[in-house]
Amino acid sequence: MKYFFVLFLFLSFNAGAQAPNPAILKRKAPESFQVLFKTTKGNFILEAYRRWSPAGADRLYQLVLTGYYNLSSFFRVEPDYVVQFGISNDIEKNVFWLSRKLKDEPALQLHKKSIVAFVRDRSNSRAAQLFINMKDNPVLDTTVRNGVKGYTPVGRIIKGMYVLEMLNAEYGRKPVTVQDSIYMYGNTYIAEHFPRLDMIISAKIIR
C-alpha cells in the first residue's frame, strides 16, 4: 500500500515541477548542516561538513533546498557495501544538475561505515547522486577509476543507520544498469520494474 501512496504523491508533486532557478548555484552552505531524510522505512539524519568538500557541501545544500531528493528512490541497496540514491523523479531537475557537474576535490576522509560521498564515474563528474557506506570500505579510499583516485566524502549519517539497514535489498545493484530509464521516466519506471524499492519521501535542512 505504501508504494501506491508514494506514487500518488509523486504524480501530484511532479505535475507542476520545473527546473530550479539558476540563482540557487550562488548559495553557499554553512560550515556544517544537517539534513533530515524521511523515508518509507523511517528517518535518518545526514550531517555535512564544508571543510571536507566545499563544492560538494554547497551542492548538497542546493539540492536539498530545491527539493531534489523528495520522492526519489534508493535505487542501489547492497547491505554489505553501499546504499545509493540521487535521481530525481523530475527530468527537468535531472537535466539541470547533470549539466552542472562539479570539479574534483581531494578525498580528506576515509570511507568508514556511515560516511557519505558523491558518486562519480570519471573526472569532474559529480552531480547529484550520493552513496552511503554501509560498512568500512577501504577499497574506496584507494580505487582509481578513469584516472581519478577515490571518492570525496561530504558528510556522515549521525542518526538512523538502522533505517538504512532495513531498506529493501532484493534488487541489489540491478537498477543501476538502467539509470538512463530512471532519469527519463522517474518513479513511473521504478513502479513498473522495481515496485518494492524504498523511497525518500522528503529531505530538508533542519540545522
Protein backbone atom coordinates (compact mmCIF):
# COMPACT_ATOMS: atom_id res chain seq x y z
CA MET A 1 0.00 0.00 0.00
CA LYS A 2 2.77 2.47 0.87
CA TYR A 3 4.17 2.24 -2.68
CA PHE A 4 0.86 3.28 -4.24
CA PHE A 5 0.66 6.16 -1.75
CA VAL A 6 4.16 7.33 -2.67
CA LEU A 7 3.37 7.01 -6.38
CA PHE A 8 0.28 9.16 -5.84
CA LEU A 9 2.45 11.77 -4.13
CA PHE A 10 4.92 11.61 -7.00
CA LEU A 11 2.25 12.29 -9.60
CA SER A 12 0.80 15.13 -7.55
CA PHE A 13 4.12 16.84 -6.84
CA ASN A 14 5.51 16.27 -10.32
CA ALA A 15 2.54 17.89 -12.05
CA GLY A 16 3.96 21.38 -11.55
CA ALA A 17 7.64 20.51 -11.45
CA GLN A 18 10.20 22.68 -13.19
CA ALA A 19 13.95 23.23 -13.30
CA PRO A 20 15.47 25.20 -10.40
CA ASN A 21 16.27 28.89 -10.69
CA PRO A 22 19.98 29.13 -11.65
CA ALA A 23 20.40 31.63 -8.81
CA ILE A 24 20.48 28.63 -6.44
CA LEU A 25 24.02 27.95 -7.66
CA LYS A 26 25.22 31.00 -5.73
CA ARG A 27 24.02 29.68 -2.38
CA LYS A 28 26.86 28.64 -0.08
CA ALA A 29 26.43 26.04 2.62
CA PRO A 30 27.21 26.78 6.25
CA GLU A 31 30.33 25.16 7.69
CA SER A 32 28.14 22.25 8.78
CA PHE A 33 24.47 21.45 8.38
CA GLN A 34 22.07 18.59 8.97
CA VAL A 35 19.54 17.08 6.57
CA LEU A 36 16.56 15.09 7.79
CA PHE A 37 15.58 12.36 5.34
CA LYS A 38 12.10 10.89 5.80
CA THR A 39 11.82 7.52 4.07
CA THR A 40 9.42 4.65 3.65
CA LYS A 41 11.37 2.80 6.37
CA GLY A 42 11.84 5.68 8.83
CA ASN A 43 14.06 8.72 9.26
CA PHE A 44 17.79 9.35 9.23
CA ILE A 45 19.97 12.44 9.55
CA LEU A 46 22.96 13.32 7.39
CA GLU A 47 25.45 15.87 8.71
CA ALA A 48 27.58 17.57 6.04
CA TYR A 49 30.88 19.41 6.54
CA ARG A 50 32.10 22.09 4.20
CA ARG A 51 35.72 21.59 5.33
CA TRP A 52 35.59 18.05 3.90
CA SER A 53 34.36 19.13 0.48
CA PRO A 54 33.46 22.81 -0.09
CA ALA A 55 31.98 22.31 -3.54
CA GLY A 56 30.26 19.08 -2.52
CA ALA A 57 28.71 20.61 0.60
CA ASP A 58 27.46 23.60 -1.39
CA ARG A 59 25.93 21.28 -3.98
CA LEU A 60 24.23 19.10 -1.38
CA TYR A 61 22.83 22.20 0.32
CA GLN A 62 21.48 23.49 -3.00
CA LEU A 63 19.97 20.13 -3.92
CA VAL A 64 18.10 19.84 -0.64
CA LEU A 65 16.87 23.44 -0.77
CA THR A 66 15.35 22.80 -4.21
CA GLY A 67 13.66 19.56 -3.13
CA TYR A 68 15.73 17.43 -5.46
CA TYR A 69 15.68 14.28 -3.33
CA ASN A 70 11.98 14.39 -2.46
CA LEU A 71 10.15 11.27 -3.66
CA SER A 72 13.25 9.64 -5.11
CA SER A 73 14.26 6.00 -4.78
CA PHE A 74 17.13 4.18 -3.12
CA PHE A 75 17.97 2.50 -6.42
CA ARG A 76 21.02 0.62 -5.20
CA VAL A 77 20.86 -1.24 -1.92
CA GLU A 78 23.76 -3.54 -1.09
CA PRO A 79 23.72 -4.05 2.71
CA ASP A 80 27.34 -5.21 2.81
CA TYR A 81 28.62 -2.37 0.65
CA VAL A 82 26.69 0.85 -0.12
CA VAL A 83 23.28 2.43 -0.49
CA GLN A 84 22.92 4.80 -3.43
CA PHE A 85 20.32 7.42 -4.38
CA GLY A 86 20.01 10.75 -6.15
CA ILE A 87 17.95 10.54 -9.33
CA SER A 88 15.04 12.96 -9.18
CA ASN A 89 11.55 11.99 -10.29
CA ASP A 90 11.58 15.18 -12.42
CA ILE A 91 13.51 15.05 -15.69
CA GLU A 92 13.94 18.84 -15.79
CA LYS A 93 15.71 18.80 -12.43
CA ASN A 94 17.90 15.93 -13.60
CA VAL A 95 18.91 17.80 -16.74
CA PHE A 96 19.62 20.97 -14.75
CA TRP A 97 22.03 19.33 -12.30
CA LEU A 98 23.64 16.89 -14.73
CA SER A 99 24.64 19.82 -16.91
CA ARG A 100 26.37 21.48 -13.95
CA LYS A 101 28.86 18.90 -12.72
CA LEU A 102 31.44 19.65 -10.05
CA LYS A 103 35.20 19.69 -10.35
CA ASP A 104 37.02 17.01 -8.39
CA GLU A 105 38.18 17.67 -4.83
CA PRO A 106 40.64 15.65 -2.74
CA ALA A 107 39.27 12.90 -0.50
CA LEU A 108 40.08 14.06 3.02
CA GLN A 109 38.23 11.34 4.95
CA LEU A 110 38.32 7.55 4.93
CA HIS A 111 35.33 5.54 3.78
CA LYS A 112 34.17 4.24 7.13
CA LYS A 113 30.66 2.99 7.85
CA SER A 114 28.13 5.88 7.66
CA ILE A 115 30.36 8.12 5.51
CA VAL A 116 28.53 9.79 2.60
CA ALA A 117 30.10 10.80 -0.73
CA PHE A 118 29.02 11.91 -4.18
CA VAL A 119 29.02 9.32 -6.93
CA ARG A 120 31.27 9.88 -9.94
CA ASP A 121 32.24 7.84 -12.99
CA ARG A 122 35.08 9.93 -14.42
CA SER A 123 36.96 13.13 -13.64
CA ASN A 124 34.84 16.17 -12.76
CA SER A 125 31.57 14.23 -12.93
CA ARG A 126 29.90 14.69 -9.53
CA ALA A 127 26.34 15.95 -9.94
CA ALA A 128 23.61 14.80 -7.54
CA GLN A 129 23.93 11.10 -6.73
CA LEU A 130 25.16 10.12 -3.27
CA PHE A 131 26.20 6.86 -1.70
CA ILE A 132 26.34 5.84 1.95
CA ASN A 133 28.93 3.37 3.16
CA MET A 134 27.14 0.52 4.90
CA LYS A 135 30.43 -0.80 6.30
CA ASP A 136 34.08 0.25 6.33
CA ASN A 137 35.09 0.29 2.65
CA PRO A 138 38.86 0.92 2.47
CA VAL A 139 38.90 -0.10 -1.19
CA LEU A 140 37.06 3.16 -1.96
CA ASP A 141 39.95 5.14 -0.46
CA THR A 142 42.46 3.84 -2.97
CA THR A 143 40.50 2.75 -6.03
CA VAL A 144 41.34 4.56 -9.26
CA ARG A 145 38.51 4.96 -11.74
CA ASN A 146 39.04 6.65 -15.07
CA GLY A 147 42.20 8.26 -13.79
CA VAL A 148 40.80 9.69 -10.54
CA LYS A 149 41.63 8.25 -7.12
CA GLY A 150 38.95 7.69 -4.52
CA TYR A 151 35.61 9.38 -3.84
CA THR A 152 35.30 12.62 -1.88
CA PRO A 153 33.27 12.32 1.36
CA VAL A 154 30.92 15.19 2.10
CA GLY A 155 29.40 14.08 5.40
CA ARG A 156 28.17 11.19 7.52
CA ILE A 157 24.99 9.69 8.90
CA ILE A 158 24.72 10.74 12.54
CA LYS A 159 21.33 9.18 13.28
CA GLY A 160 19.27 6.39 11.77
CA MET A 161 21.80 3.99 10.24
CA TYR A 162 19.45 1.22 11.35
CA VAL A 163 16.85 2.66 8.96
CA LEU A 164 19.25 2.29 6.04
CA GLU A 165 19.96 -1.27 7.13
CA MET A 166 16.23 -2.04 6.76
CA LEU A 167 15.94 -0.86 3.15
CA ASN A 168 14.68 -3.44 0.67
CA ALA A 169 17.74 -5.02 -0.94
CA GLU A 170 16.05 -7.54 -3.24
CA TYR A 171 17.10 -5.72 -6.43
CA GLY A 172 20.72 -5.15 -5.37
CA ARG A 173 22.52 -3.04 -7.98
CA LYS A 174 20.28 -4.09 -10.88
CA PRO A 175 18.54 -0.66 -11.12
CA VAL A 176 21.97 0.93 -11.58
CA THR A 177 22.16 -0.73 -15.00
CA VAL A 178 19.03 1.10 -16.19
CA GLN A 179 19.74 4.56 -14.81
CA ASP A 180 19.00 6.22 -18.15
CA SER A 181 15.42 5.00 -17.94
CA ILE A 182 15.08 6.15 -14.33
CA TYR A 183 16.41 9.59 -15.28
CA MET A 184 13.91 9.78 -18.12
CA TYR A 185 10.76 8.29 -16.59
CA GLY A 186 11.33 8.65 -12.85
CA ASN A 187 9.06 6.86 -10.43
CA THR A 188 6.74 5.65 -13.17
CA TYR A 189 9.56 3.41 -14.37
CA ILE A 190 10.50 2.44 -10.81
CA ALA A 191 6.90 1.47 -10.01
CA GLU A 192 6.73 -0.77 -13.07
CA HIS A 193 10.09 -2.51 -12.83
CA PHE A 194 11.20 -2.23 -9.20
CA PRO A 195 7.96 -1.69 -7.28
CA ARG A 196 9.28 -2.61 -3.85
CA LEU A 197 12.20 -0.19 -3.73
CA ASP A 198 12.16 2.07 -0.69
CA MET A 199 11.96 5.80 -1.26
CA ILE A 200 12.87 9.15 0.21
CA ILE A 201 9.62 10.93 0.99
CA SER A 202 11.31 14.23 1.80
CA ALA A 203 14.68 15.77 2.65
CA LYS A 204 15.03 19.10 4.41
CA ILE A 205 17.63 21.18 6.22
CA ILE A 206 16.98 21.07 9.95
CA ARG A 207 20.10 22.72 11.34
